[in-house]
Amino acid sequence: MLAAYSVPPDALQLEITESMIMSDPDRALATLSGLSELGVRLSVDDFGTGYSSLAHLRRLPIDELKIDRSFVTPMLEQSNDLIIVAR
């Protein structure tokens, strides 16, 4: 479809949620890898709402990671969590 409408692949950014990736990680990796090879930009949304880890993200060819607010907000209130976001 990109070629049919003369759209450069990097003009398209697809967003997928963490939960969708984790529902079938192997299939997600294969699909996202194929899209990335075409030049499509990939974004993971709602990270921190499911059960994946940063180790899972390493395998994915993503361009952007959107961390869910529910994961980040408590870090400002919990001193033990501040180490995650501190410089």
PDB file of N, CA and C in Angstrom:
ATOM      1  N   MET A   1       0.819  -1.178   0.000  1.00  0.00           N
ATOM      2  CA  MET A   1       0.000   0.000   0.000  1.00  0.00           C
ATOM      3  C   MET A   1       0.875   1.258   0.000  1.00  0.00           C
ATOM      4  N   LEU A   2       2.012   1.180   0.691  1.00  0.00           N
ATOM      5  CA  LEU A   2       2.899   2.343   0.696  1.00  0.00           C
ATOM      6  C   LEU A   2       3.325   2.687  -0.733  1.00  0.00           C
ATOM      7  N   ALA A   3       3.733   1.687  -1.473  1.00  0.00           N
ATOM      8  CA  ALA A   3       4.162   1.915  -2.854  1.00  0.00           C
ATOM      9  C   ALA A   3       2.997   2.351  -3.731  1.00  0.00           C
ATOM     10  N   ALA A   4       1.841   1.740  -3.542  1.00  0.00           N
ATOM     11  CA  ALA A   4       0.673   2.070  -4.362  1.00  0.00           C
ATOM     12  C   ALA A   4       0.277   3.534  -4.226  1.00  0.00           C
ATOM     13  N   TYR A   5       0.486   4.120  -3.054  1.00  0.00           N
ATOM     14  CA  TYR A   5       0.113   5.511  -2.817  1.00  0.00           C
ATOM     15  C   TYR A   5       1.335   6.447  -2.742  1.00  0.00           C
ATOM     16  N   SER A   6       2.489   5.913  -3.117  1.00  0.00           N
ATOM     17  CA  SER A   6       3.738   6.689  -3.137  1.00  0.00           C
ATOM     18  C   SER A   6       4.029   7.358  -1.791  1.00  0.00           C
ATOM     19  N   VAL A   7       3.857   6.587  -0.721  1.00  0.00           N
ATOM     20  CA  VAL A   7       4.145   7.084   0.623  1.00  0.00           C
ATOM     21  C   VAL A   7       5.480   6.500   1.071  1.00  0.00           C
ATOM     22  N   PRO A   8       6.440   7.356   1.420  1.00  0.00           N
ATOM     23  CA  PRO A   8       7.705   6.821   1.921  1.00  0.00           C
ATOM     24  C   PRO A   8       7.469   6.105   3.253  1.00  0.00           C
ATOM     25  N   PRO A   9       8.057   4.925   3.444  1.00  0.00           N
ATOM     26  CA  PRO A   9       7.806   4.152   4.665  1.00  0.00           C
ATOM     27  C   PRO A   9       8.076   4.910   5.956  1.00  0.00           C
ATOM     28  N   ASP A  10       9.095   5.781   5.955  1.00  0.00           N
ATOM     29  CA  ASP A  10       9.411   6.490   7.189  1.00  0.00           C
ATOM     30  C   ASP A  10       8.412   7.615   7.494  1.00  0.00           C
ATOM     31  N   ALA A  11       7.458   7.836   6.598  1.00  0.00           N
ATOM     32  CA  ALA A  11       6.386   8.806   6.862  1.00  0.00           C
ATOM     33  C   ALA A  11       5.268   8.178   7.686  1.00  0.00           C
ATOM     34  N   LEU A  12       5.323   6.863   7.842  1.00  0.00           N
ATOM     35  CA  LEU A  12       4.306   6.134   8.598  1.00  0.00           C
ATOM     36  C   LEU A  12       4.892   5.685   9.928  1.00  0.00           C
ATOM     37  N   GLN A  13       4.185   6.000  10.993  1.00  0.00           N
ATOM     38  CA  GLN A  13       4.582   5.511  12.313  1.00  0.00           C
ATOM     39  C   GLN A  13       3.419   4.724  12.886  1.00  0.00           C
ATOM     40  N   LEU A  14       3.666   3.464  13.190  1.00  0.00           N
ATOM     41  CA  LEU A  14       2.648   2.614  13.782  1.00  0.00           C
ATOM     42  C   LEU A  14       2.889   2.494  15.277  1.00  0.00           C
ATOM     43  N   GLU A  15       1.795   2.525  16.019  1.00  0.00           N
ATOM     44  CA  GLU A  15       1.851   2.433  17.468  1.00  0.00           C
ATOM     45  C   GLU A  15       1.184   1.133  17.891  1.00  0.00           C
ATOM     46  N   ILE A  16       1.848   0.398  18.764  1.00  0.00           N
ATOM     47  CA  ILE A  16       1.299  -0.840  19.287  1.00  0.00           C
ATOM     48  C   ILE A  16       1.442  -0.814  20.800  1.00  0.00           C
ATOM     49  N   THR A  17       0.446  -1.331  21.492  1.00  0.00           N
ATOM     50  CA  THR A  17       0.513  -1.307  22.953  1.00  0.00           C
ATOM     51  C   THR A  17       1.370  -2.459  23.467  1.00  0.00           C
ATOM     52  N   GLU A  18       1.885  -2.256  24.652  1.00  0.00           N
ATOM     53  CA  GLU A  18       2.682  -3.299  25.309  1.00  0.00           C
ATOM     54  C   GLU A  18       1.871  -4.588  25.440  1.00  0.00           C
ATOM     55  N   SER A  19       0.608  -4.475  25.800  1.00  0.00           N
ATOM     56  CA  SER A  19      -0.213  -5.678  25.990  1.00  0.00           C
ATOM     57  C   SER A  19      -0.397  -6.454  24.692  1.00  0.00           C
ATOM     58  N   MET A  20      -0.494  -5.759  23.572  1.00  0.00           N
ATOM     59  CA  MET A  20      -0.627  -6.455  22.286  1.00  0.00           C
ATOM     60  C   MET A  20       0.652  -7.219  21.950  1.00  0.00           C
ATOM     61  N   ILE A  21       1.789  -6.624  22.246  1.00  0.00           N
ATOM     62  CA  ILE A  21       3.060  -7.300  21.993  1.00  0.00           C
ATOM     63  C   ILE A  21       3.176  -8.543  22.855  1.00  0.00           C
ATOM     64  N   MET A  22       2.812  -8.405  24.127  1.00  0.00           N
ATOM     65  CA  MET A  22       2.981  -9.514  25.055  1.00  0.00           C
ATOM     66  C   MET A  22       1.947 -10.616  24.869  1.00  0.00           C
ATOM     67  N   SER A  23       0.873 -10.353  24.145  1.00  0.00           N
ATOM     68  CA  SER A  23      -0.115 -11.408  23.908  1.00  0.00           C
ATOM     69  C   SER A  23       0.453 -12.499  23.004  1.00  0.00           C
ATOM     70  N   ASP A  24       1.409 -12.158  22.143  1.00  0.00           N
ATOM     71  CA  ASP A  24       2.085 -13.133  21.276  1.00  0.00           C
ATOM     72  C   ASP A  24       3.444 -12.540  20.898  1.00  0.00           C
ATOM     73  N   PRO A  25       4.414 -12.594  21.821  1.00  0.00           N
ATOM     74  CA  PRO A  25       5.698 -11.919  21.608  1.00  0.00           C
ATOM     75  C   PRO A  25       6.455 -12.361  20.358  1.00  0.00           C
ATOM     76  N   ASP A  26       6.422 -13.647  20.039  1.00  0.00           N
ATOM     77  CA  ASP A  26       7.156 -14.124  18.867  1.00  0.00           C
ATOM     78  C   ASP A  26       6.551 -13.583  17.576  1.00  0.00           C
ATOM     79  N   ARG A  27       5.236 -13.598  17.506  1.00  0.00           N
ATOM     80  CA  ARG A  27       4.561 -13.066  16.320  1.00  0.00           C
ATOM     81  C   ARG A  27       4.780 -11.552  16.213  1.00  0.00           C
ATOM     82  N   ALA A  28       4.720 -10.861  17.344  1.00  0.00           N
ATOM     83  CA  ALA A  28       4.945  -9.419  17.348  1.00  0.00           C
ATOM     84  C   ALA A  28       6.348  -9.095  16.853  1.00  0.00           C
ATOM     85  N   LEU A  29       7.339  -9.846  17.323  1.00  0.00           N
ATOM     86  CA  LEU A  29       8.716  -9.623  16.897  1.00  0.00           C
ATOM     87  C   LEU A  29       8.848  -9.809  15.394  1.00  0.00           C
ATOM     88  N   ALA A  30       8.280 -10.866  14.870  1.00  0.00           N
ATOM     89  CA  ALA A  30       8.363 -11.126  13.428  1.00  0.00           C
ATOM     90  C   ALA A  30       7.676 -10.027  12.622  1.00  0.00           C
ATOM     91  N   THR A  31       6.493  -9.642  13.054  1.00  0.00           N
ATOM     92  CA  THR A  31       5.733  -8.615  12.335  1.00  0.00           C
ATOM     93  C   THR A  31       6.430  -7.264  12.404  1.00  0.00           C
ATOM     94  N   LEU A  32       6.849  -6.876  13.607  1.00  0.00           N
ATOM     95  CA  LEU A  32       7.506  -5.583  13.773  1.00  0.00           C
ATOM     96  C   LEU A  32       8.852  -5.539  13.051  1.00  0.00           C
ATOM     97  N   SER A  33       9.552  -6.652  13.029  1.00  0.00           N
ATOM     98  CA  SER A  33      10.828  -6.704  12.304  1.00  0.00           C
ATOM     99  C   SER A  33      10.612  -6.477  10.811  1.00  0.00           C
ATOM    100  N   GLY A  34       9.584  -7.121  10.274  1.00  0.00           N
ATOM    101  CA  GLY A  34       9.274  -6.946   8.856  1.00  0.00           C
ATOM    102  C   GLY A  34       8.911  -5.508   8.530  1.00  0.00           C
ATOM    103  N   LEU A  35       8.112  -4.895   9.378  1.00  0.00           N
ATOM    104  CA  LEU A  35       7.730  -3.498   9.168  1.00  0.00           C
ATOM    105  C   LEU A  35       8.934  -2.566   9.278  1.00  0.00           C
ATOM    106  N   SER A  36       9.790  -2.839  10.255  1.00  0.00           N
ATOM    107  CA  SER A  36      10.988  -2.029  10.446  1.00  0.00           C
ATOM    108  C   SER A  36      11.915  -2.132   9.236  1.00  0.00           C
ATOM    109  N   GLU A  37      12.048  -3.328   8.684  1.00  0.00           N
ATOM    110  CA  GLU A  37      12.888  -3.522   7.505  1.00  0.00           C
ATOM    111  C   GLU A  37      12.360  -2.735   6.304  1.00  0.00           C
ATOM    112  N   LEU A  38      11.050  -2.530   6.255  1.00  0.00           N
ATOM    113  CA  LEU A  38      10.459  -1.711   5.197  1.00  0.00           C
ATOM    114  C   LEU A  38      10.764  -0.232   5.397  1.00  0.00           C
ATOM    115  N   GLY A  39      11.103   0.140   6.633  1.00  0.00           N
ATOM    116  CA  GLY A  39      11.390   1.532   6.948  1.00  0.00           C
ATOM    117  C   GLY A  39      10.292   2.225   7.731  1.00  0.00           C
ATOM    118  N   VAL A  40       9.257   1.464   8.115  1.00  0.00           N
ATOM    119  CA  VAL A  40       8.158   2.020   8.905  1.00  0.00           C
ATOM    120  C   VAL A  40       8.664   2.284  10.317  1.00  0.00           C
ATOM    121  N   ARG A  41       8.303   3.440  10.874  1.00  0.00           N
ATOM    122  CA  ARG A  41       8.689   3.771  12.250  1.00  0.00           C
ATOM    123  C   ARG A  41       7.718   3.085  13.212  1.00  0.00           C
ATOM    124  N   LEU A  42       8.242   2.603  14.341  1.00  0.00           N
ATOM    125  CA  LEU A  42       7.436   1.835  15.296  1.00  0.00           C
ATOM    126  C   LEU A  42       7.507   2.443  16.690  1.00  0.00           C
ATOM    127  N   SER A  43       6.368   2.456  17.340  1.00  0.00           N
ATOM    128  CA  SER A  43       6.248   3.021  18.672  1.00  0.00           C
ATOM    129  C   SER A  43       5.514   2.032  19.578  1.00  0.00           C
ATOM    130  N   VAL A  44       6.001   1.896  20.809  1.00  0.00           N
ATOM    131  CA  VAL A  44       5.313   1.084  21.811  1.00  0.00           C
ATOM    132  C   VAL A  44       4.634   2.032  22.781  1.00  0.00           C
ATOM    133  N   ASP A  45       3.325   1.877  22.937  1.00  0.00           N
ATOM    134  CA  ASP A  45       2.536   2.742  23.808  1.00  0.00           C
ATOM    135  C   ASP A  45       2.146   1.990  25.078  1.00  0.00           C
ATOM    136  N   ASP A  46       1.885   2.723  26.124  1.00  0.00           N
ATOM    137  CA  ASP A  46       1.406   2.172  27.406  1.00  0.00           C
ATOM    138  C   ASP A  46       2.409   1.242  28.079  1.00  0.00           C
ATOM    139  N   PHE A  47       3.711   1.444  27.846  1.00  0.00           N
ATOM    140  CA  PHE A  47       4.689   0.593  28.516  1.00  0.00           C
ATOM    141  C   PHE A  47       4.592   0.808  30.016  1.00  0.00           C
ATOM    142  N   GLY A  48       4.642  -0.281  30.757  1.00  0.00           N
ATOM    143  CA  GLY A  48       4.556  -0.220  32.212  1.00  0.00           C
ATOM    144  C   GLY A  48       3.207  -0.648  32.736  1.00  0.00           C
ATOM    145  N   THR A  49       2.256  -0.901  31.841  1.00  0.00           N
ATOM    146  CA  THR A  49       0.929  -1.339  32.279  1.00  0.00           C
ATOM    147  C   THR A  49       0.816  -2.853  32.293  1.00  0.00           C
ATOM    148  N   GLY A  50       1.729  -3.524  31.629  1.00  0.00           N
ATOM    149  CA  GLY A  50       1.665  -4.984  31.527  1.00  0.00           C
ATOM    150  C   GLY A  50       2.792  -5.632  32.297  1.00  0.00           C
ATOM    151  N   TYR A  51       3.234  -6.767  31.774  1.00  0.00           N
ATOM    152  CA  TYR A  51       4.233  -7.553  32.491  1.00  0.00           C
ATOM    153  C   TYR A  51       5.526  -7.725  31.717  1.00  0.00           C
ATOM    154  N   SER A  52       5.746  -6.925  30.695  1.00  0.00           N
ATOM    155  CA  SER A  52       6.985  -7.064  29.953  1.00  0.00           C
ATOM    156  C   SER A  52       8.112  -6.350  30.699  1.00  0.00           C
ATOM    157  N   SER A  53       9.307  -6.593  30.249  1.00  0.00           N
ATOM    158  CA  SER A  53      10.469  -5.980  30.881  1.00  0.00           C
ATOM    159  C   SER A  53      11.296  -5.290  29.812  1.00  0.00           C
ATOM    160  N   LEU A  54      12.281  -4.556  30.254  1.00  0.00           N
ATOM    161  CA  LEU A  54      13.177  -3.909  29.299  1.00  0.00           C
ATOM    162  C   LEU A  54      13.919  -4.939  28.462  1.00  0.00           C
ATOM    163  N   ALA A  55      14.113  -6.136  29.001  1.00  0.00           N
ATOM    164  CA  ALA A  55      14.769  -7.199  28.237  1.00  0.00           C
ATOM    165  C   ALA A  55      13.949  -7.553  26.996  1.00  0.00           C
ATOM    166  N   HIS A  56      12.635  -7.550  27.116  1.00  0.00           N
ATOM    167  CA  HIS A  56      11.782  -7.809  25.955  1.00  0.00           C
ATOM    168  C   HIS A  56      11.934  -6.707  24.917  1.00  0.00           C
ATOM    169  N   LEU A  57      12.056  -5.482  25.385  1.00  0.00           N
ATOM    170  CA  LEU A  57      12.163  -4.347  24.470  1.00  0.00           C
ATOM    171  C   LEU A  57      13.439  -4.388  23.643  1.00  0.00           C
ATOM    172  N   ARG A  58      14.496  -4.917  24.214  1.00  0.00           N
ATOM    173  CA  ARG A  58      15.773  -4.994  23.491  1.00  0.00           C
ATOM    174  C   ARG A  58      15.636  -5.746  22.183  1.00  0.00           C
ATOM    175  N   ARG A  59      14.768  -6.723  22.155  1.00  0.00           N
ATOM    176  CA  ARG A  59      14.601  -7.554  20.963  1.00  0.00           C
ATOM    177  C   ARG A  59      13.781  -6.864  19.879  1.00  0.00           C
ATOM    178  N   LEU A  60      13.022  -5.860  20.255  1.00  0.00           N
ATOM    179  CA  LEU A  60      12.099  -5.227  19.318  1.00  0.00           C
ATOM    180  C   LEU A  60      12.755  -4.070  18.570  1.00  0.00           C
ATOM    181  N   PRO A  61      12.470  -3.950  17.282  1.00  0.00           N
ATOM    182  CA  PRO A  61      13.044  -2.857  16.485  1.00  0.00           C
ATOM    183  C   PRO A  61      12.193  -1.591  16.583  1.00  0.00           C
ATOM    184  N   ILE A  62      12.115  -1.020  17.785  1.00  0.00           N
ATOM    185  CA  ILE A  62      11.228   0.127  17.985  1.00  0.00           C
ATOM    186  C   ILE A  62      12.004   1.441  17.909  1.00  0.00           C
ATOM    187  N   ASP A  63      11.296   2.482  17.531  1.00  0.00           N
ATOM    188  CA  ASP A  63      11.883   3.808  17.417  1.00  0.00           C
ATOM    189  C   ASP A  63      11.491   4.706  18.585  1.00  0.00           C
ATOM    190  N   GLU A  64      10.401   4.358  19.251  1.00  0.00           N
ATOM    191  CA  GLU A  64       9.882   5.217  20.307  1.00  0.00           C
ATOM    192  C   GLU A  64       9.213   4.370  21.380  1.00  0.00           C
ATOM    193  N   LEU A  65       9.390   4.774  22.617  1.00  0.00           N
ATOM    194  CA  LEU A  65       8.769   4.096  23.750  1.00  0.00           C
ATOM    195  C   LEU A  65       7.974   5.122  24.542  1.00  0.00           C
ATOM    196  N   LYS A  66       6.691   4.876  24.699  1.00  0.00           N
ATOM    197  CA  LYS A  66       5.827   5.768  25.472  1.00  0.00           C
ATOM    198  C   LYS A  66       5.491   5.072  26.784  1.00  0.00           C
ATOM    199  N   ILE A  67       6.020   5.601  27.865  1.00  0.00           N
ATOM    200  CA  ILE A  67       5.818   5.004  29.180  1.00  0.00           C
ATOM    201  C   ILE A  67       4.496   5.504  29.741  1.00  0.00           C
ATOM    202  N   ASP A  68       3.678   4.592  30.191  1.00  0.00           N
ATOM    203  CA  ASP A  68       2.362   4.942  30.702  1.00  0.00           C
ATOM    204  C   ASP A  68       2.464   5.796  31.964  1.00  0.00           C
ATOM    205  N   ARG A  69       1.586   6.771  32.063  1.00  0.00           N
ATOM    206  CA  ARG A  69       1.562   7.686  33.209  1.00  0.00           C
ATOM    207  C   ARG A  69       1.413   6.928  34.533  1.00  0.00           C
ATOM    208  N   SER A  70       0.630   5.863  34.533  1.00  0.00           N
ATOM    209  CA  SER A  70       0.414   5.120  35.781  1.00  0.00           C
ATOM    210  C   SER A  70       1.705   4.475  36.293  1.00  0.00           C
ATOM    211  N   PHE A  71       2.672   4.292  35.423  1.00  0.00           N
ATOM    212  CA  PHE A  71       3.965   3.739  35.801  1.00  0.00           C
ATOM    213  C   PHE A  71       4.888   4.824  36.340  1.00  0.00           C
ATOM    214  N   VAL A  72       4.796   6.016  35.767  1.00  0.00           N
ATOM    215  CA  VAL A  72       5.723   7.094  36.090  1.00  0.00           C
ATOM    216  C   VAL A  72       5.293   7.923  37.295  1.00  0.00           C
ATOM    217  N   THR A  73       4.012   8.239  37.399  1.00  0.00           N
ATOM    218  CA  THR A  73       3.524   9.135  38.444  1.00  0.00           C
ATOM    219  C   THR A  73       3.924   8.708  39.855  1.00  0.00           C
ATOM    220  N   PRO A  74       3.786   7.438  40.229  1.00  0.00           N
ATOM    221  CA  PRO A  74       4.177   7.052  41.598  1.00  0.00           C
ATOM    222  C   PRO A  74       5.669   7.241  41.885  1.00  0.00           C
ATOM    223  N   MET A  75       6.492   7.309  40.837  1.00  0.00           N
ATOM    224  CA  MET A  75       7.926   7.490  41.051  1.00  0.00           C
ATOM    225  C   MET A  75       8.233   8.821  41.715  1.00  0.00           C
ATOM    226  N   LEU A  76       7.379   9.792  41.495  1.00  0.00           N
ATOM    227  CA  LEU A  76       7.599  11.108  42.086  1.00  0.00           C
ATOM    228  C   LEU A  76       7.265  11.127  43.572  1.00  0.00           C
ATOM    229  N   GLU A  77       6.493  10.147  44.017  1.00  0.00           N
ATOM    230  CA  GLU A  77       6.043  10.109  45.399  1.00  0.00           C
ATOM    231  C   GLU A  77       6.761   9.064  46.240  1.00  0.00           C
ATOM    232  N   GLN A  78       7.392   8.095  45.606  1.00  0.00           N
ATOM    233  CA  GLN A  78       8.058   7.005  46.315  1.00  0.00           C
ATOM    234  C   GLN A  78       9.573   7.193  46.241  1.00  0.00           C
ATOM    235  N   SER A  79      10.200   7.423  47.366  1.00  0.00           N
ATOM    236  CA  SER A  79      11.644   7.672  47.357  1.00  0.00           C
ATOM    237  C   SER A  79      12.426   6.477  46.807  1.00  0.00           C
ATOM    238  N   ASN A  80      11.937   5.267  47.027  1.00  0.00           N
ATOM    239  CA  ASN A  80      12.624   4.087  46.509  1.00  0.00           C
ATOM    240  C   ASN A  80      12.575   4.026  44.987  1.00  0.00           C
ATOM    241  N   ASP A  81      11.547   4.622  44.383  1.00  0.00           N
ATOM    242  CA  ASP A  81      11.393   4.612  42.936  1.00  0.00           C
ATOM    243  C   ASP A  81      12.174   5.727  42.237  1.00  0.00           C
ATOM    244  N   LEU A  82      12.568   6.748  42.975  1.00  0.00           N
ATOM    245  CA  LEU A  82      13.260   7.874  42.371  1.00  0.00           C
ATOM    246  C   LEU A  82      14.579   7.453  41.707  1.00  0.00           C
ATOM    247  N   ILE A  83      15.190   6.406  42.197  1.00  0.00           N
ATOM    248  CA  ILE A  83      16.453   5.934  41.617  1.00  0.00           C
ATOM    249  C   ILE A  83      16.288   5.556  40.142  1.00  0.00           C
ATOM    250  N   ILE A  84      15.086   5.153  39.766  1.00  0.00           N
ATOM    251  CA  ILE A  84      14.826   4.754  38.388  1.00  0.00           C
ATOM    252  C   ILE A  84      14.901   5.957  37.451  1.00  0.00           C
ATOM    253  N   VAL A  85      14.467   7.097  37.898  1.00  0.00           N
ATOM    254  CA  VAL A  85      14.414   8.276  37.033  1.00  0.00           C
ATOM    255  C   VAL A  85      15.457   9.342  37.375  1.00  0.00           C
ATOM    256  N   ALA A  86      16.253   9.113  38.384  1.00  0.00           N
ATOM    257  CA  ALA A  86      17.268  10.089  38.785  1.00  0.00           C
ATOM    258  C   ALA A  86      18.430  10.060  37.799  1.00  0.00           C
ATOM    259  N   ARG A  87      19.116  11.170  37.714  1.00  0.00           N
ATOM    260  CA  ARG A  87      20.288  11.263  36.841  1.00  0.00           C
ATOM    261  C   ARG A  87      21.488  10.685  37.500  1.00  0.00           C
TER     262      ARG A  87
END
